[in-house]
Amino acid sequence: MIQVDNTVTKDDIERVARSMGKEGKILTPAEIDEVIERYPTAQDEDQNVTWNFVVEDLIYQVINERPKK
């Protein structure tokens, strides 16, 4: 999907998450919502990268913010 309106969908995020690393990344529904919420600002901050790289970076941010066990 080509992003033209500065938004991403749940499916976009899940597709990028699955492509990350051997096992991919599993996100909770709340984490997916967090990525969707942060996406427009993150994309505006760096308009030279593609939407999927912005989503990947946001996924790493959200995962790193998980409470430590």
N, C-alpha and C. Protein backbone atom coordinates (compact mmCIF):
# COMPACT_ATOMS: atom_id res chain seq x y z
N MET A 1 0.84 -1.18 0.00
CA MET A 1 0.00 0.00 0.00
C MET A 1 0.89 1.24 0.00
N ILE A 2 0.59 2.19 -0.83
CA ILE A 2 1.32 3.45 -0.87
C ILE A 2 0.63 4.42 0.08
N GLN A 3 1.41 4.99 0.98
CA GLN A 3 0.85 5.93 1.94
C GLN A 3 0.90 7.34 1.36
N VAL A 4 -0.25 7.97 1.25
CA VAL A 4 -0.29 9.33 0.73
C VAL A 4 -0.96 10.30 1.68
N ASP A 5 -1.60 9.82 2.72
CA ASP A 5 -2.36 10.70 3.59
C ASP A 5 -1.82 10.78 5.01
N ASN A 6 -0.57 10.35 5.21
CA ASN A 6 0.09 10.45 6.51
C ASN A 6 -0.59 9.62 7.59
N THR A 7 -1.18 8.49 7.20
CA THR A 7 -1.76 7.57 8.16
C THR A 7 -1.30 6.15 7.82
N VAL A 8 -1.38 5.30 8.81
CA VAL A 8 -1.12 3.87 8.59
C VAL A 8 -2.27 3.10 9.20
N THR A 9 -2.42 1.87 8.74
CA THR A 9 -3.49 1.02 9.25
C THR A 9 -2.92 -0.07 10.14
N LYS A 10 -3.81 -0.72 10.85
CA LYS A 10 -3.42 -1.86 11.68
C LYS A 10 -2.74 -2.92 10.80
N ASP A 11 -3.28 -3.17 9.62
CA ASP A 11 -2.69 -4.16 8.72
C ASP A 11 -1.28 -3.77 8.28
N ASP A 12 -1.08 -2.47 8.01
CA ASP A 12 0.26 -1.99 7.64
C ASP A 12 1.25 -2.29 8.76
N ILE A 13 0.86 -1.97 9.98
CA ILE A 13 1.74 -2.16 11.13
C ILE A 13 2.03 -3.63 11.35
N GLU A 14 1.01 -4.47 11.27
CA GLU A 14 1.21 -5.91 11.47
C GLU A 14 2.12 -6.49 10.40
N ARG A 15 1.99 -6.03 9.16
CA ARG A 15 2.84 -6.52 8.06
C ARG A 15 4.30 -6.15 8.32
N VAL A 16 4.54 -4.90 8.72
CA VAL A 16 5.91 -4.47 9.01
C VAL A 16 6.45 -5.26 10.21
N ALA A 17 5.64 -5.42 11.24
CA ALA A 17 6.08 -6.15 12.45
C ALA A 17 6.47 -7.58 12.10
N ARG A 18 5.69 -8.25 11.25
CA ARG A 18 6.01 -9.63 10.85
C ARG A 18 7.31 -9.71 10.08
N SER A 19 7.67 -8.66 9.39
CA SER A 19 8.88 -8.69 8.55
C SER A 19 10.16 -8.41 9.35
N MET A 20 10.03 -8.08 10.61
CA MET A 20 11.18 -7.69 11.42
C MET A 20 11.83 -8.90 12.08
N GLY A 21 13.01 -9.25 11.62
CA GLY A 21 13.76 -10.33 12.25
C GLY A 21 13.20 -11.70 11.92
N LYS A 22 13.82 -12.72 12.50
CA LYS A 22 13.43 -14.10 12.23
C LYS A 22 11.99 -14.38 12.61
N GLU A 23 11.63 -14.07 13.85
CA GLU A 23 10.29 -14.38 14.33
C GLU A 23 9.32 -13.22 14.15
N GLY A 24 9.80 -12.08 13.71
CA GLY A 24 8.95 -10.90 13.63
C GLY A 24 8.70 -10.35 15.03
N LYS A 25 7.88 -9.37 15.11
CA LYS A 25 7.55 -8.74 16.39
C LYS A 25 6.05 -8.85 16.61
N ILE A 26 5.67 -9.23 17.82
CA ILE A 26 4.26 -9.34 18.18
C ILE A 26 3.89 -8.11 18.99
N LEU A 27 2.87 -7.41 18.56
CA LEU A 27 2.41 -6.22 19.25
C LEU A 27 1.01 -6.44 19.82
N THR A 28 0.76 -5.85 20.95
CA THR A 28 -0.59 -5.89 21.52
C THR A 28 -1.46 -4.89 20.77
N PRO A 29 -2.78 -5.01 20.89
CA PRO A 29 -3.65 -4.01 20.27
C PRO A 29 -3.35 -2.59 20.75
N ALA A 30 -3.04 -2.43 22.03
CA ALA A 30 -2.71 -1.10 22.56
C ALA A 30 -1.42 -0.57 21.94
N GLU A 31 -0.44 -1.45 21.71
CA GLU A 31 0.81 -1.02 21.08
C GLU A 31 0.59 -0.63 19.63
N ILE A 32 -0.27 -1.35 18.93
CA ILE A 32 -0.61 -0.99 17.55
C ILE A 32 -1.26 0.38 17.52
N ASP A 33 -2.19 0.62 18.46
CA ASP A 33 -2.84 1.93 18.54
C ASP A 33 -1.82 3.04 18.81
N GLU A 34 -0.82 2.74 19.64
CA GLU A 34 0.22 3.71 19.95
C GLU A 34 1.04 4.06 18.70
N VAL A 35 1.37 3.05 17.90
CA VAL A 35 2.10 3.29 16.65
C VAL A 35 1.25 4.16 15.71
N ILE A 36 -0.03 3.83 15.59
CA ILE A 36 -0.92 4.60 14.73
C ILE A 36 -0.97 6.06 15.19
N GLU A 37 -1.05 6.27 16.50
CA GLU A 37 -1.12 7.62 17.05
C GLU A 37 0.15 8.41 16.81
N ARG A 38 1.29 7.77 16.94
CA ARG A 38 2.58 8.47 16.79
C ARG A 38 2.99 8.67 15.34
N TYR A 39 2.43 7.89 14.44
CA TYR A 39 2.91 7.88 13.06
C TYR A 39 2.93 9.25 12.38
N PRO A 40 1.84 10.02 12.39
CA PRO A 40 1.88 11.29 11.64
C PRO A 40 3.02 12.22 12.05
N THR A 41 3.24 12.34 13.34
CA THR A 41 4.32 13.21 13.82
C THR A 41 5.68 12.67 13.40
N ALA A 42 5.86 11.36 13.54
CA ALA A 42 7.14 10.75 13.17
C ALA A 42 7.41 10.90 11.68
N GLN A 43 6.40 10.73 10.86
CA GLN A 43 6.58 10.87 9.41
C GLN A 43 6.89 12.32 9.05
N ASP A 44 6.24 13.25 9.71
CA ASP A 44 6.50 14.67 9.45
C ASP A 44 7.93 15.06 9.82
N GLU A 45 8.47 14.44 10.88
CA GLU A 45 9.81 14.77 11.34
C GLU A 45 10.89 14.33 10.36
N ASP A 46 10.63 13.26 9.61
CA ASP A 46 11.62 12.79 8.63
C ASP A 46 10.89 12.37 7.36
N GLN A 47 10.70 13.30 6.49
CA GLN A 47 9.94 13.05 5.26
C GLN A 47 10.77 12.38 4.18
N ASN A 48 12.04 12.12 4.47
CA ASN A 48 12.91 11.50 3.47
C ASN A 48 12.94 9.98 3.55
N VAL A 49 12.28 9.41 4.54
CA VAL A 49 12.25 7.96 4.66
C VAL A 49 10.87 7.44 4.29
N THR A 50 10.82 6.18 3.91
CA THR A 50 9.54 5.60 3.53
C THR A 50 8.71 5.27 4.76
N TRP A 51 7.41 5.17 4.56
CA TRP A 51 6.48 4.95 5.68
C TRP A 51 6.83 3.70 6.46
N ASN A 52 7.26 2.62 5.78
CA ASN A 52 7.53 1.37 6.49
C ASN A 52 8.74 1.49 7.42
N PHE A 53 9.72 2.32 7.06
CA PHE A 53 10.85 2.54 7.97
C PHE A 53 10.42 3.34 9.20
N VAL A 54 9.51 4.29 9.00
CA VAL A 54 8.97 5.04 10.14
C VAL A 54 8.22 4.09 11.06
N VAL A 55 7.39 3.23 10.50
CA VAL A 55 6.63 2.26 11.30
C VAL A 55 7.59 1.33 12.05
N GLU A 56 8.62 0.84 11.38
CA GLU A 56 9.58 -0.06 12.04
C GLU A 56 10.24 0.64 13.23
N ASP A 57 10.64 1.88 13.05
CA ASP A 57 11.24 2.62 14.15
C ASP A 57 10.26 2.80 15.30
N LEU A 58 9.01 3.10 15.00
CA LEU A 58 8.00 3.25 16.04
C LEU A 58 7.74 1.93 16.76
N ILE A 59 7.76 0.83 16.04
CA ILE A 59 7.59 -0.48 16.67
C ILE A 59 8.71 -0.72 17.68
N TYR A 60 9.94 -0.44 17.28
CA TYR A 60 11.06 -0.60 18.22
C TYR A 60 10.89 0.30 19.44
N GLN A 61 10.44 1.53 19.23
CA GLN A 61 10.23 2.44 20.36
C GLN A 61 9.20 1.88 21.33
N VAL A 62 8.07 1.43 20.78
CA VAL A 62 6.98 0.90 21.62
C VAL A 62 7.44 -0.35 22.37
N ILE A 63 8.15 -1.23 21.70
CA ILE A 63 8.65 -2.45 22.35
C ILE A 63 9.62 -2.10 23.46
N ASN A 64 10.49 -1.13 23.23
CA ASN A 64 11.47 -0.73 24.24
C ASN A 64 10.82 -0.06 25.45
N GLU A 65 9.60 0.42 25.30
CA GLU A 65 8.89 1.06 26.40
C GLU A 65 8.09 0.06 27.24
N ARG A 66 8.08 -1.20 26.84
CA ARG A 66 7.37 -2.21 27.62
C ARG A 66 7.99 -2.32 29.02
N PRO A 67 7.13 -2.57 30.00
CA PRO A 67 7.68 -2.77 31.36
C PRO A 67 8.63 -3.96 31.37
N LYS A 68 9.71 -3.80 32.07
CA LYS A 68 10.70 -4.89 32.17
C LYS A 68 10.17 -5.93 33.14
N LYS A 69 10.40 -7.20 32.76
CA LYS A 69 9.92 -8.31 33.61
C LYS A 69 10.96 -8.69 34.62
